[in-house]
Protein backbone atom coordinates (compact mmCIF):
# COMPACT_ATOMS: atom_id res chain seq x y z
CA MET A 1 30.64 37.87 1.04
CA SER A 2 29.50 39.01 4.47
CA PRO A 3 28.59 36.41 7.13
CA ALA A 4 24.93 37.43 6.92
CA ALA A 5 24.86 36.97 3.15
CA GLU A 6 26.62 33.63 3.43
CA LEU A 7 24.15 32.46 6.07
CA LEU A 8 21.25 33.59 3.90
CA SER A 9 22.68 31.66 0.96
CA LEU A 10 23.02 28.49 3.05
CA VAL A 11 19.46 28.83 4.32
CA GLU A 12 18.18 29.33 0.77
CA ASP A 13 20.02 26.24 -0.46
CA ALA A 14 18.67 24.18 2.46
CA LEU A 15 15.13 25.33 1.73
CA TRP A 16 15.54 24.38 -1.94
CA VAL A 17 16.76 20.90 -0.98
CA HIS A 18 13.83 20.38 1.38
CA PHE A 19 11.35 21.71 -1.19
CA ILE A 20 12.62 19.32 -3.87
CA VAL A 21 12.44 16.36 -1.48
CA PHE A 22 8.95 17.40 -0.34
CA LEU A 23 7.67 17.29 -3.91
CA ARG A 24 8.48 13.58 -4.05
CA THR A 25 7.62 12.75 -0.44
CA GLY A 26 4.22 14.44 -0.37
CA PRO A 27 2.45 12.09 -2.83
CA VAL A 28 3.98 9.08 -1.07
CA MET A 29 2.55 10.19 2.27
CA ALA A 30 -0.84 10.83 0.68
CA LEU A 31 -1.00 7.18 -0.43
CA PHE A 32 1.05 5.57 2.33
CA PRO A 33 -0.75 2.57 3.95
CA GLY A 34 -1.97 3.68 7.35
CA PHE A 35 -0.91 7.33 7.12
CA GLY A 36 -2.74 7.92 3.84
CA GLU A 37 -6.17 6.68 4.92
CA ARG A 38 -9.17 8.94 4.46
CA THR A 39 -9.79 8.85 8.21
CA VAL A 40 -6.43 10.58 8.78
CA PRO A 41 -6.83 14.40 8.74
CA THR A 42 -5.18 16.23 5.85
CA ARG A 43 -3.18 18.42 8.23
CA PHE A 44 -1.74 15.33 9.88
CA LYS A 45 -0.69 13.97 6.48
CA LEU A 46 0.97 17.31 5.70
CA VAL A 47 2.87 17.21 8.99
CA LEU A 48 4.00 13.64 8.25
CA ALA A 49 5.18 14.65 4.78
CA ILE A 50 7.18 17.53 6.27
CA LEU A 51 8.70 15.25 8.93
CA PHE A 52 9.67 12.68 6.30
CA THR A 53 11.22 15.49 4.26
CA ILE A 54 13.25 16.67 7.25
CA VAL A 55 14.50 13.10 7.82
CA ILE A 56 15.36 12.37 4.18
CA ALA A 57 16.73 15.72 2.99
CA PRO A 58 20.09 15.68 4.87
CA ALA A 59 21.01 12.36 3.24
CA LEU A 60 20.34 13.86 -0.21
CA ALA A 61 22.08 17.20 0.20
CA SER A 62 25.12 16.15 -1.82
CA VAL A 63 22.94 14.57 -4.52
CA LEU A 64 20.76 17.67 -4.89
CA ASP A 65 23.57 20.26 -4.76
CA PRO A 66 23.91 20.40 -8.59
CA VAL A 67 20.15 20.86 -8.94
CA VAL A 68 20.14 23.64 -6.36
CA ALA A 69 23.07 25.33 -8.08
CA ALA A 70 21.28 25.29 -11.46
CA PRO A 71 17.58 24.73 -10.76
CA PRO A 72 15.34 23.57 -13.63
CA PRO A 73 12.07 25.38 -14.45
CA LEU A 74 9.79 25.26 -11.41
CA GLY A 75 6.80 23.85 -13.28
CA TRP A 76 8.81 21.00 -14.76
CA LEU A 77 10.39 20.27 -11.37
CA ILE A 78 6.98 20.03 -9.69
CA LEU A 79 5.60 17.81 -12.47
CA SER A 80 8.50 15.36 -12.59
CA GLU A 81 9.00 14.97 -8.84
CA THR A 82 5.29 14.63 -8.14
CA ALA A 83 4.99 11.97 -10.85
CA VAL A 84 7.78 9.90 -9.30
CA GLY A 85 6.21 10.28 -5.85
CA LEU A 86 2.85 9.13 -7.19
CA LEU A 87 4.47 6.05 -8.73
CA ILE A 88 6.00 5.04 -5.41
CA GLY A 89 2.81 5.82 -3.48
CA ILE A 90 0.61 3.85 -5.89
CA GLY A 91 2.98 0.88 -5.67
CA LEU A 92 2.66 0.87 -1.87
CA ARG A 93 -1.09 1.40 -2.01
CA MET A 94 -1.59 -1.63 -4.25
CA PHE A 95 -0.59 -3.90 -1.38
CA LEU A 96 -3.34 -2.50 0.83
CA LEU A 97 -5.82 -2.95 -2.01
CA ALA A 98 -4.63 -6.55 -2.35
CA LEU A 99 -5.39 -7.14 1.34
CA GLN A 100 -8.83 -5.53 0.96
CA THR A 101 -9.57 -7.65 -2.11
CA ALA A 102 -8.51 -10.82 -0.30
CA GLY A 103 -10.85 -9.98 2.56
CA ALA A 104 -13.72 -9.30 0.14
CA ILE A 105 -13.16 -12.61 -1.69
CA ALA A 106 -12.98 -14.54 1.57
CA ALA A 107 -16.14 -12.87 2.89
CA GLN A 108 -18.10 -13.49 -0.30
CA SER A 109 -17.05 -17.13 -0.27
CA THR A 110 -18.17 -17.70 3.35
CA SER A 111 -21.39 -15.65 3.42
CA LEU A 112 -19.86 -12.99 5.67
CA SER A 113 -19.83 -10.15 3.16
CA GLN A 114 -22.70 -8.19 4.75
CA ILE A 115 -21.41 -8.17 8.33
CA LEU A 116 -20.03 -4.71 9.21
CA GLY A 117 -19.85 -3.90 5.50
CA ASP A 118 -20.09 -0.15 6.09
CA ALA A 119 -18.39 0.16 9.45
CA GLY A 120 -15.52 2.25 8.08
CA VAL A 121 -14.94 4.94 5.48
CA THR A 122 -14.09 2.29 2.88
CA PRO A 123 -16.92 -0.27 2.64
CA LEU A 124 -15.40 -3.61 3.61
CA PRO A 125 -16.77 -6.82 5.12
CA ALA A 126 -15.72 -7.86 8.59
CA ILE A 127 -12.91 -10.11 7.31
CA GLY A 128 -11.56 -7.26 5.21
CA HIS A 129 -11.57 -4.87 8.19
CA LEU A 130 -9.76 -7.40 10.35
CA LEU A 131 -7.09 -8.14 7.74
CA VAL A 132 -6.50 -4.48 6.89
CA ILE A 133 -6.19 -3.38 10.53
CA GLY A 134 -3.96 -6.35 11.31
CA GLY A 135 -1.79 -5.74 8.24
CA LEU A 136 -1.34 -2.04 9.02
CA ALA A 137 -0.49 -2.79 12.64
CA LEU A 138 2.04 -5.42 11.59
CA ALA A 139 3.61 -3.07 9.03
CA MET A 140 4.07 -0.33 11.63
CA ILE A 141 5.46 -2.75 14.18
CA LEU A 142 8.05 -3.86 11.61
CA ASP A 143 9.07 -0.21 10.92
CA LEU A 144 7.62 0.08 7.44
CA HIS A 145 7.95 3.87 7.58
CA VAL A 146 11.69 3.58 8.28
CA HIS A 147 12.25 1.23 5.35
CA VAL A 148 10.19 3.46 3.07
CA ALA A 149 12.37 6.43 4.06
CA GLU A 150 15.43 4.41 3.04
CA MET A 151 13.73 3.46 -0.21
CA MET A 152 12.94 7.11 -0.94
CA ILE A 153 16.60 8.00 -0.61
CA LEU A 154 17.61 5.23 -3.01
CA THR A 155 15.04 6.27 -5.63
CA TYR A 156 17.07 9.39 -6.40
CA SER A 157 19.76 7.22 -7.95
CA LEU A 158 17.15 5.51 -10.13
CA PHE A 159 15.07 8.60 -10.97
CA PRO A 160 17.22 11.73 -11.01
CA VAL A 161 15.61 15.03 -10.13
CA ALA A 162 13.60 16.78 -12.87
CA GLN A 163 13.53 13.70 -15.12
CA LEU A 164 10.30 11.90 -15.92
CA PRO A 165 10.41 8.08 -15.95
CA ASP A 166 10.17 6.30 -19.27
CA PRO A 167 6.44 5.95 -20.12
CA GLY A 168 6.85 2.46 -21.60
CA ALA A 169 8.68 1.17 -18.55
CA VAL A 170 6.14 2.80 -16.24
CA SER A 171 3.21 1.17 -18.06
CA MET A 172 4.83 -2.26 -17.87
CA TRP A 173 5.61 -1.71 -14.20
CA GLY A 174 2.01 -0.67 -13.55
CA ILE A 175 0.61 -3.75 -15.27
CA ARG A 176 2.97 -5.93 -13.26
CA GLN A 177 1.92 -4.28 -10.00
CA VAL A 178 -1.81 -4.60 -10.67
CA SER A 179 -1.54 -8.24 -11.75
CA GLY A 180 0.70 -8.99 -8.78
CA ALA A 181 -1.77 -7.37 -6.37
CA PHE A 182 -4.66 -9.45 -7.69
CA ALA A 183 -2.54 -12.61 -7.68
CA LEU A 184 -1.57 -11.93 -4.06
CA ALA A 185 -5.22 -11.31 -3.13
CA PHE A 186 -6.39 -14.57 -4.72
CA THR A 187 -3.52 -16.46 -3.11
CA LEU A 188 -4.42 -15.17 0.35
CA ALA A 189 -8.12 -15.94 -0.11
CA ALA A 190 -7.63 -19.34 -1.82
CA PRO A 191 -8.43 -21.49 1.27
CA PHE A 192 -11.77 -19.74 1.71
CA VAL A 193 -12.64 -20.24 -1.96
CA ILE A 194 -11.73 -23.94 -1.80
CA VAL A 195 -13.84 -24.46 1.32
CA SER A 196 -16.72 -22.63 -0.33
CA VAL A 197 -16.55 -24.87 -3.42
CA LEU A 198 -16.47 -28.02 -1.29
CA TYR A 199 -19.36 -26.70 0.78
CA ASN A 200 -21.53 -26.02 -2.27
CA ILE A 201 -20.74 -29.41 -3.81
CA THR A 202 -21.62 -31.15 -0.54
CA LEU A 203 -24.79 -29.11 -0.23
CA GLY A 204 -25.80 -30.09 -3.76
CA VAL A 205 -25.24 -33.78 -3.07
CA ILE A 206 -27.27 -33.62 0.15
CA ASN A 207 -30.04 -31.75 -1.63
CA ARG A 208 -30.20 -34.43 -4.34
CA ALA A 209 -30.26 -37.20 -1.75
CA MET A 210 -32.86 -35.54 0.51
CA PRO A 211 -34.97 -33.09 -1.50
CA GLN A 212 -37.34 -32.53 1.43
CA MET A 213 -34.57 -31.23 3.69
CA MET A 214 -33.99 -27.46 3.83
CA VAL A 215 -30.27 -27.75 3.30
CA VAL A 216 -29.77 -23.99 3.16
CA PHE A 217 -30.90 -23.55 6.75
CA VAL A 218 -28.55 -26.29 7.84
CA GLY A 219 -25.61 -25.30 5.64
CA ALA A 220 -25.57 -21.52 6.19
CA PRO A 221 -24.41 -21.74 9.84
CA VAL A 222 -21.86 -24.37 8.82
CA ILE A 223 -20.17 -22.21 6.15
CA THR A 224 -20.27 -19.16 8.43
CA GLY A 225 -18.68 -21.08 11.29
CA ALA A 226 -16.12 -22.61 8.93
CA GLY A 227 -15.24 -19.16 7.62
CA ILE A 228 -14.67 -17.79 11.13
CA ALA A 229 -12.60 -20.85 12.08
CA LEU A 230 -10.52 -20.55 8.91
CA LEU A 231 -9.91 -16.87 9.59
CA PHE A 232 -8.77 -17.69 13.12
CA LEU A 233 -6.35 -20.33 11.83
CA LEU A 234 -5.08 -18.65 8.66
CA ALA A 235 -4.97 -14.92 9.49
CA PRO A 236 -1.39 -15.07 10.87
CA THR A 237 -0.18 -16.90 7.75
CA MET A 238 -2.06 -14.53 5.44
CA LEU A 239 -0.58 -11.46 7.11
CA THR A 240 2.90 -13.02 7.07
CA LEU A 241 2.70 -13.63 3.31
CA TRP A 242 1.38 -10.12 2.79
CA ILE A 243 4.08 -8.38 4.82
CA GLU A 244 6.79 -10.42 3.09
CA ALA A 245 5.48 -9.28 -0.31
CA LEU A 246 5.35 -5.68 0.89
CA GLN A 247 8.89 -5.83 2.26
CA ALA A 248 10.12 -7.30 -1.03
CA PHE A 249 8.56 -4.35 -2.86
CA VAL A 250 10.15 -1.82 -0.49
CA VAL A 251 13.57 -3.44 -1.00
CA ASN A 252 13.22 -3.46 -4.79
CA PRO A 253 10.21 -1.36 -5.86
CA PHE A 254 10.98 -1.21 -9.57
CA GLY A 255 12.56 -4.61 -10.14
CA THR A 256 15.97 -3.22 -11.03
CA ARG A 257 18.10 -5.74 -9.15
């Protein structure tokens, strides 16, 4: 084989490796917290997916050599790798939805749900915006993208190329992720709900004792101020619990250890 033909063969193999990795990385980048937001241009997401592919592909060259040597049908390869990428991306996205849900619950409980409700692309109350922006900033500061790149490399040992995951296991995993996201959201917003319940009970007692008093006009500023004070005190703890749950998922996304 001539040097030119050998070089061409090496380039072709490298392109195949990068293409296979891109099929799994692309859906993850489309749903990645922060990078996958609707405010991020599609071209920027594509560039990020390509950059992630360039970073991950060299570590998987030896793993993907048998696939490159005997490639499966292209349609099946695209279907299987995209499905695995979507699973990983949805799992990551559920944590952002949990943070948004916690913010919505806290805002509804403290009468702050209408403040800045449509300030962003995704309608969220002010508390939700603050928690989401803070959570994304914290995740990037703690190198979430680096840990996700490591996780992507490890997923190839769990989900080999051109093999679809078991549907039964995927359905159970999905149920566990959804229930876990809602449980995390309610856990984060629990102090606001408790304060709201105590506020309404107190307001009812006062109203029974003094029917002539307009307790709503007195109580509304109280619950609003209490909600802002609670957010000031509890936001660091809420974000700490959230990032710990997200890091636990990145370390073990499919509960195999």
